[in-house]
Amino acid sequence: MLRTRIFWAIVLGIVSLVLIFEAKTNLAYGAVGTRVFAYLAAPGSHLALALSNSASFAGEGWTKVWAGLAIACNFLTYLFFWYVCIWIISHLRKRQHPYEDEGTLVPPGLR
C-alpha cells in the first residue's frame, strides 16, 4: 500500500491543501503572501469559475458551494500533478536499471 503512486499522490495532495490553507491564513496580509496564495489557489479557482459560468442558474447564495468546488478542484489538480511527478521519477529510476524487472533473453541458468 505504501508503495503505490496513487497513495503518495493523495498524501502529497492533502499536504498541498494544508499548505494552501496555511498560506491563506498566515501570508494573507503581505504583498508577497497574497501573490503566493493567488498562484497556489489559481488552478482550482479557474476550474470552479469555468464550471460556474457554464451553469444555467445565477448562483447567488452559492458562494460556499463554489468555494468548496474550488477546494476540490485544487485537490484534484494537485493530486494529478503529484501523480505525474511520481510517475516520471519512477520511470526515470527504472530506466537506470532496465533489466531488473523484466526478463532478458539470456536463460536463467546462464546468468
N, C-alpha and C. Protein backbone atom coordinates (compact mmCIF):
# COMPACT_ATOMS: atom_id res chain seq x y z
N MET A 1 0.83 -1.20 0.00
CA MET A 1 0.00 0.00 0.00
C MET A 1 0.87 1.26 0.00
N LEU A 2 1.95 1.27 0.75
CA LEU A 2 2.78 2.46 0.83
C LEU A 2 3.65 2.65 -0.42
N ARG A 3 3.67 1.67 -1.30
CA ARG A 3 4.50 1.79 -2.48
C ARG A 3 3.71 2.23 -3.71
N THR A 4 2.41 2.40 -3.58
CA THR A 4 1.62 2.79 -4.74
C THR A 4 1.73 4.28 -5.00
N ARG A 5 1.66 4.61 -6.27
CA ARG A 5 1.77 6.01 -6.66
C ARG A 5 0.57 6.82 -6.21
N ILE A 6 -0.61 6.24 -6.34
CA ILE A 6 -1.82 6.99 -6.02
C ILE A 6 -1.89 7.32 -4.53
N PHE A 7 -1.41 6.42 -3.68
CA PHE A 7 -1.40 6.69 -2.24
C PHE A 7 -0.55 7.90 -1.93
N TRP A 8 0.67 7.93 -2.47
CA TRP A 8 1.55 9.06 -2.20
C TRP A 8 1.07 10.33 -2.88
N ALA A 9 0.40 10.20 -4.01
CA ALA A 9 -0.17 11.38 -4.65
C ALA A 9 -1.28 11.97 -3.78
N ILE A 10 -2.11 11.10 -3.17
CA ILE A 10 -3.17 11.58 -2.27
C ILE A 10 -2.55 12.25 -1.05
N VAL A 11 -1.52 11.63 -0.47
CA VAL A 11 -0.87 12.22 0.70
C VAL A 11 -0.27 13.58 0.36
N LEU A 12 0.44 13.67 -0.76
CA LEU A 12 1.04 14.95 -1.14
C LEU A 12 -0.01 15.97 -1.56
N GLY A 13 -1.14 15.52 -2.11
CA GLY A 13 -2.24 16.44 -2.43
C GLY A 13 -2.84 17.03 -1.17
N ILE A 14 -3.00 16.20 -0.14
CA ILE A 14 -3.52 16.70 1.14
C ILE A 14 -2.53 17.67 1.78
N VAL A 15 -1.25 17.35 1.71
CA VAL A 15 -0.22 18.25 2.24
C VAL A 15 -0.25 19.59 1.49
N SER A 16 -0.44 19.52 0.17
CA SER A 16 -0.53 20.76 -0.62
C SER A 16 -1.73 21.59 -0.20
N LEU A 17 -2.88 20.94 0.05
CA LEU A 17 -4.05 21.68 0.51
C LEU A 17 -3.82 22.32 1.88
N VAL A 18 -3.17 21.60 2.78
CA VAL A 18 -2.87 22.15 4.10
C VAL A 18 -1.94 23.35 3.95
N LEU A 19 -0.96 23.26 3.08
CA LEU A 19 -0.06 24.39 2.86
C LEU A 19 -0.79 25.58 2.24
N ILE A 20 -1.75 25.32 1.39
CA ILE A 20 -2.54 26.42 0.83
C ILE A 20 -3.35 27.11 1.92
N PHE A 21 -3.99 26.33 2.81
CA PHE A 21 -4.74 26.94 3.90
C PHE A 21 -3.83 27.71 4.85
N GLU A 22 -2.64 27.18 5.12
CA GLU A 22 -1.69 27.90 5.97
C GLU A 22 -1.23 29.19 5.30
N ALA A 23 -0.99 29.13 4.00
CA ALA A 23 -0.60 30.34 3.28
C ALA A 23 -1.73 31.36 3.29
N LYS A 24 -2.95 30.88 3.22
CA LYS A 24 -4.10 31.80 3.24
C LYS A 24 -4.22 32.51 4.59
N THR A 25 -3.97 31.77 5.67
CA THR A 25 -4.14 32.38 6.99
C THR A 25 -2.92 33.15 7.45
N ASN A 26 -1.73 32.69 7.13
CA ASN A 26 -0.53 33.33 7.67
C ASN A 26 0.10 34.35 6.73
N LEU A 27 -0.06 34.19 5.45
CA LEU A 27 0.59 35.10 4.50
C LEU A 27 -0.38 36.07 3.85
N ALA A 28 -1.57 36.16 4.34
CA ALA A 28 -2.61 36.93 3.65
C ALA A 28 -2.42 38.44 3.75
N TYR A 29 -1.58 38.91 4.64
CA TYR A 29 -1.51 40.35 4.86
C TYR A 29 -0.37 41.03 4.14
N GLY A 30 0.54 40.27 3.56
CA GLY A 30 1.65 40.88 2.84
C GLY A 30 1.44 40.81 1.34
N ALA A 31 2.20 41.65 0.63
CA ALA A 31 2.07 41.66 -0.83
C ALA A 31 2.59 40.36 -1.43
N VAL A 32 3.69 39.87 -0.91
CA VAL A 32 4.26 38.63 -1.42
C VAL A 32 3.37 37.45 -1.05
N GLY A 33 2.85 37.43 0.16
CA GLY A 33 1.97 36.36 0.59
C GLY A 33 0.70 36.28 -0.22
N THR A 34 0.14 37.43 -0.56
CA THR A 34 -1.06 37.45 -1.38
C THR A 34 -0.77 36.90 -2.76
N ARG A 35 0.38 37.24 -3.31
CA ARG A 35 0.75 36.76 -4.63
C ARG A 35 1.01 35.26 -4.63
N VAL A 36 1.68 34.75 -3.58
CA VAL A 36 1.95 33.32 -3.47
C VAL A 36 0.64 32.55 -3.34
N PHE A 37 -0.25 33.02 -2.51
CA PHE A 37 -1.55 32.35 -2.35
C PHE A 37 -2.35 32.37 -3.64
N ALA A 38 -2.29 33.47 -4.37
CA ALA A 38 -3.04 33.56 -5.64
C ALA A 38 -2.52 32.52 -6.63
N TYR A 39 -1.21 32.30 -6.67
CA TYR A 39 -0.66 31.31 -7.59
C TYR A 39 -0.97 29.89 -7.14
N LEU A 40 -0.98 29.64 -5.85
CA LEU A 40 -1.27 28.29 -5.36
C LEU A 40 -2.74 27.92 -5.52
N ALA A 41 -3.61 28.86 -5.34
CA ALA A 41 -5.04 28.59 -5.42
C ALA A 41 -5.61 28.81 -6.81
N ALA A 42 -4.80 29.21 -7.76
CA ALA A 42 -5.29 29.53 -9.10
C ALA A 42 -5.90 28.34 -9.84
N PRO A 43 -5.32 27.14 -9.82
CA PRO A 43 -5.92 26.05 -10.63
C PRO A 43 -7.36 25.74 -10.23
N GLY A 44 -7.62 25.62 -8.96
CA GLY A 44 -8.97 25.30 -8.51
C GLY A 44 -9.96 26.41 -8.77
N SER A 45 -9.52 27.64 -8.60
CA SER A 45 -10.45 28.75 -8.82
C SER A 45 -10.76 28.91 -10.30
N HIS A 46 -9.80 28.64 -11.17
CA HIS A 46 -10.08 28.71 -12.62
C HIS A 46 -11.06 27.62 -13.04
N LEU A 47 -10.89 26.41 -12.52
CA LEU A 47 -11.81 25.34 -12.85
C LEU A 47 -13.21 25.61 -12.31
N ALA A 48 -13.29 26.11 -11.08
CA ALA A 48 -14.59 26.42 -10.50
C ALA A 48 -15.27 27.56 -11.25
N LEU A 49 -14.49 28.54 -11.70
CA LEU A 49 -15.06 29.64 -12.47
C LEU A 49 -15.58 29.14 -13.82
N ALA A 50 -14.84 28.23 -14.44
CA ALA A 50 -15.31 27.68 -15.72
C ALA A 50 -16.60 26.88 -15.52
N LEU A 51 -16.68 26.14 -14.43
CA LEU A 51 -17.90 25.37 -14.17
C LEU A 51 -19.06 26.27 -13.79
N SER A 52 -18.79 27.36 -13.06
CA SER A 52 -19.89 28.23 -12.64
C SER A 52 -20.41 29.05 -13.82
N ASN A 53 -19.56 29.37 -14.77
CA ASN A 53 -20.03 30.11 -15.94
C ASN A 53 -20.86 29.24 -16.86
N SER A 54 -20.60 27.93 -16.83
CA SER A 54 -21.38 27.06 -17.70
C SER A 54 -22.69 26.62 -17.05
N ALA A 55 -22.89 26.96 -15.79
CA ALA A 55 -24.13 26.57 -15.10
C ALA A 55 -25.29 27.42 -15.62
N SER A 56 -26.47 26.84 -15.59
CA SER A 56 -27.63 27.54 -16.15
C SER A 56 -28.33 28.44 -15.13
N PHE A 57 -27.93 28.36 -13.86
CA PHE A 57 -28.58 29.19 -12.85
C PHE A 57 -27.65 30.31 -12.43
N ALA A 58 -28.22 31.30 -11.74
CA ALA A 58 -27.49 32.52 -11.42
C ALA A 58 -26.36 32.27 -10.44
N GLY A 59 -26.56 31.47 -9.41
CA GLY A 59 -25.50 31.17 -8.46
C GLY A 59 -25.43 32.11 -7.28
N GLU A 60 -26.42 32.97 -7.11
CA GLU A 60 -26.42 33.83 -5.94
C GLU A 60 -26.71 32.99 -4.70
N GLY A 61 -25.96 33.21 -3.66
CA GLY A 61 -26.12 32.45 -2.44
C GLY A 61 -25.41 31.10 -2.49
N TRP A 62 -24.69 30.85 -3.55
CA TRP A 62 -23.98 29.58 -3.72
C TRP A 62 -22.48 29.76 -3.51
N THR A 63 -22.07 30.79 -2.79
CA THR A 63 -20.64 31.07 -2.66
C THR A 63 -19.92 29.95 -1.92
N LYS A 64 -20.56 29.36 -0.92
CA LYS A 64 -19.91 28.26 -0.20
C LYS A 64 -19.76 27.03 -1.09
N VAL A 65 -20.72 26.82 -1.95
CA VAL A 65 -20.63 25.68 -2.88
C VAL A 65 -19.48 25.90 -3.85
N TRP A 66 -19.36 27.13 -4.39
CA TRP A 66 -18.28 27.40 -5.34
C TRP A 66 -16.93 27.39 -4.64
N ALA A 67 -16.87 27.82 -3.38
CA ALA A 67 -15.61 27.74 -2.63
C ALA A 67 -15.22 26.29 -2.38
N GLY A 68 -16.19 25.46 -2.03
CA GLY A 68 -15.91 24.04 -1.86
C GLY A 68 -15.50 23.37 -3.16
N LEU A 69 -16.13 23.79 -4.25
CA LEU A 69 -15.76 23.27 -5.56
C LEU A 69 -14.34 23.69 -5.93
N ALA A 70 -13.95 24.92 -5.59
CA ALA A 70 -12.59 25.38 -5.86
C ALA A 70 -11.58 24.57 -5.06
N ILE A 71 -11.90 24.26 -3.80
CA ILE A 71 -11.01 23.45 -2.97
C ILE A 71 -10.89 22.04 -3.54
N ALA A 72 -12.02 21.47 -3.96
CA ALA A 72 -11.99 20.13 -4.56
C ALA A 72 -11.21 20.11 -5.86
N CYS A 73 -11.37 21.16 -6.67
CA CYS A 73 -10.61 21.24 -7.92
C CYS A 73 -9.12 21.41 -7.64
N ASN A 74 -8.78 22.19 -6.61
CA ASN A 74 -7.37 22.31 -6.23
C ASN A 74 -6.81 20.95 -5.82
N PHE A 75 -7.59 20.21 -5.02
CA PHE A 75 -7.13 18.90 -4.59
C PHE A 75 -6.91 17.97 -5.78
N LEU A 76 -7.86 17.95 -6.70
CA LEU A 76 -7.72 17.08 -7.87
C LEU A 76 -6.56 17.52 -8.76
N THR A 77 -6.36 18.82 -8.89
CA THR A 77 -5.25 19.32 -9.70
C THR A 77 -3.92 18.94 -9.09
N TYR A 78 -3.76 19.14 -7.77
CA TYR A 78 -2.51 18.79 -7.12
C TYR A 78 -2.33 17.28 -7.04
N LEU A 79 -3.42 16.53 -6.92
CA LEU A 79 -3.33 15.07 -6.95
C LEU A 79 -2.79 14.61 -8.30
N PHE A 80 -3.31 15.15 -9.37
CA PHE A 80 -2.82 14.80 -10.70
C PHE A 80 -1.37 15.23 -10.88
N PHE A 81 -1.02 16.43 -10.40
CA PHE A 81 0.35 16.92 -10.51
C PHE A 81 1.33 16.00 -9.78
N TRP A 82 1.01 15.63 -8.54
CA TRP A 82 1.92 14.77 -7.79
C TRP A 82 1.98 13.37 -8.37
N TYR A 83 0.86 12.87 -8.89
CA TYR A 83 0.87 11.54 -9.51
C TYR A 83 1.79 11.53 -10.73
N VAL A 84 1.71 12.56 -11.56
CA VAL A 84 2.57 12.64 -12.74
C VAL A 84 4.04 12.78 -12.32
N CYS A 85 4.32 13.58 -11.31
CA CYS A 85 5.70 13.72 -10.83
C CYS A 85 6.25 12.39 -10.32
N ILE A 86 5.46 11.68 -9.55
CA ILE A 86 5.90 10.38 -9.02
C ILE A 86 6.07 9.39 -10.16
N TRP A 87 5.17 9.41 -11.14
CA TRP A 87 5.28 8.50 -12.27
C TRP A 87 6.55 8.78 -13.08
N ILE A 88 6.87 10.05 -13.31
CA ILE A 88 8.07 10.41 -14.06
C ILE A 88 9.32 9.97 -13.31
N ILE A 89 9.35 10.20 -12.00
CA ILE A 89 10.52 9.79 -11.21
C ILE A 89 10.68 8.28 -11.23
N SER A 90 9.59 7.54 -11.07
CA SER A 90 9.70 6.08 -11.09
C SER A 90 10.09 5.57 -12.47
N HIS A 91 9.62 6.23 -13.51
CA HIS A 91 10.02 5.84 -14.86
C HIS A 91 11.50 6.09 -15.10
N LEU A 92 12.00 7.22 -14.62
CA LEU A 92 13.42 7.52 -14.79
C LEU A 92 14.29 6.58 -13.96
N ARG A 93 13.82 6.19 -12.80
CA ARG A 93 14.58 5.24 -11.99
C ARG A 93 14.61 3.86 -12.63
N LYS A 94 13.52 3.45 -13.27
CA LYS A 94 13.51 2.16 -13.96
C LYS A 94 14.43 2.17 -15.17
N ARG A 95 14.57 3.32 -15.80
CA ARG A 95 15.43 3.39 -16.97
C ARG A 95 16.90 3.29 -16.61
N GLN A 96 17.25 3.59 -15.37
CA GLN A 96 18.64 3.44 -14.95
C GLN A 96 19.03 1.96 -14.90
N HIS A 97 18.13 1.12 -14.47
CA HIS A 97 18.35 -0.32 -14.37
C HIS A 97 17.24 -1.04 -15.14
N PRO A 98 17.32 -1.06 -16.47
CA PRO A 98 16.19 -1.57 -17.24
C PRO A 98 15.98 -3.08 -17.14
N TYR A 99 16.97 -3.84 -16.72
CA TYR A 99 16.84 -5.29 -16.72
C TYR A 99 16.54 -5.87 -15.34
N GLU A 100 16.22 -5.05 -14.36
CA GLU A 100 15.91 -5.56 -13.04
C GLU A 100 14.53 -6.21 -12.99
N ASP A 101 13.53 -5.59 -13.61
CA ASP A 101 12.16 -6.09 -13.51
C ASP A 101 11.79 -7.05 -14.63
N GLU A 102 12.37 -6.88 -15.77
CA GLU A 102 11.96 -7.67 -16.93
C GLU A 102 12.90 -8.84 -17.16
N GLY A 103 12.41 -9.86 -17.82
CA GLY A 103 13.24 -10.97 -18.18
C GLY A 103 14.12 -10.61 -19.37
N THR A 104 15.31 -11.15 -19.40
CA THR A 104 16.22 -10.90 -20.51
C THR A 104 16.19 -12.09 -21.46
N LEU A 105 16.92 -12.00 -22.51
CA LEU A 105 16.97 -13.08 -23.48
C LEU A 105 17.91 -14.21 -23.04
N VAL A 106 18.70 -13.97 -22.01
CA VAL A 106 19.62 -14.98 -21.51
C VAL A 106 18.83 -15.95 -20.61
N PRO A 107 18.96 -17.24 -20.82
CA PRO A 107 18.26 -18.20 -19.96
C PRO A 107 18.71 -18.07 -18.51
N PRO A 108 17.81 -18.42 -17.53
CA PRO A 108 18.14 -18.22 -16.12
C PRO A 108 19.37 -19.00 -15.66
N GLY A 109 19.67 -20.14 -16.26
CA GLY A 109 20.81 -20.94 -15.83
C GLY A 109 22.14 -20.33 -16.23
N LEU A 110 22.16 -19.45 -17.21
CA LEU A 110 23.41 -18.88 -17.69
C LEU A 110 23.71 -17.51 -17.12
N ARG A 111 22.83 -16.98 -16.31
CA ARG A 111 23.05 -15.63 -15.75
C ARG A 111 24.06 -15.64 -14.68
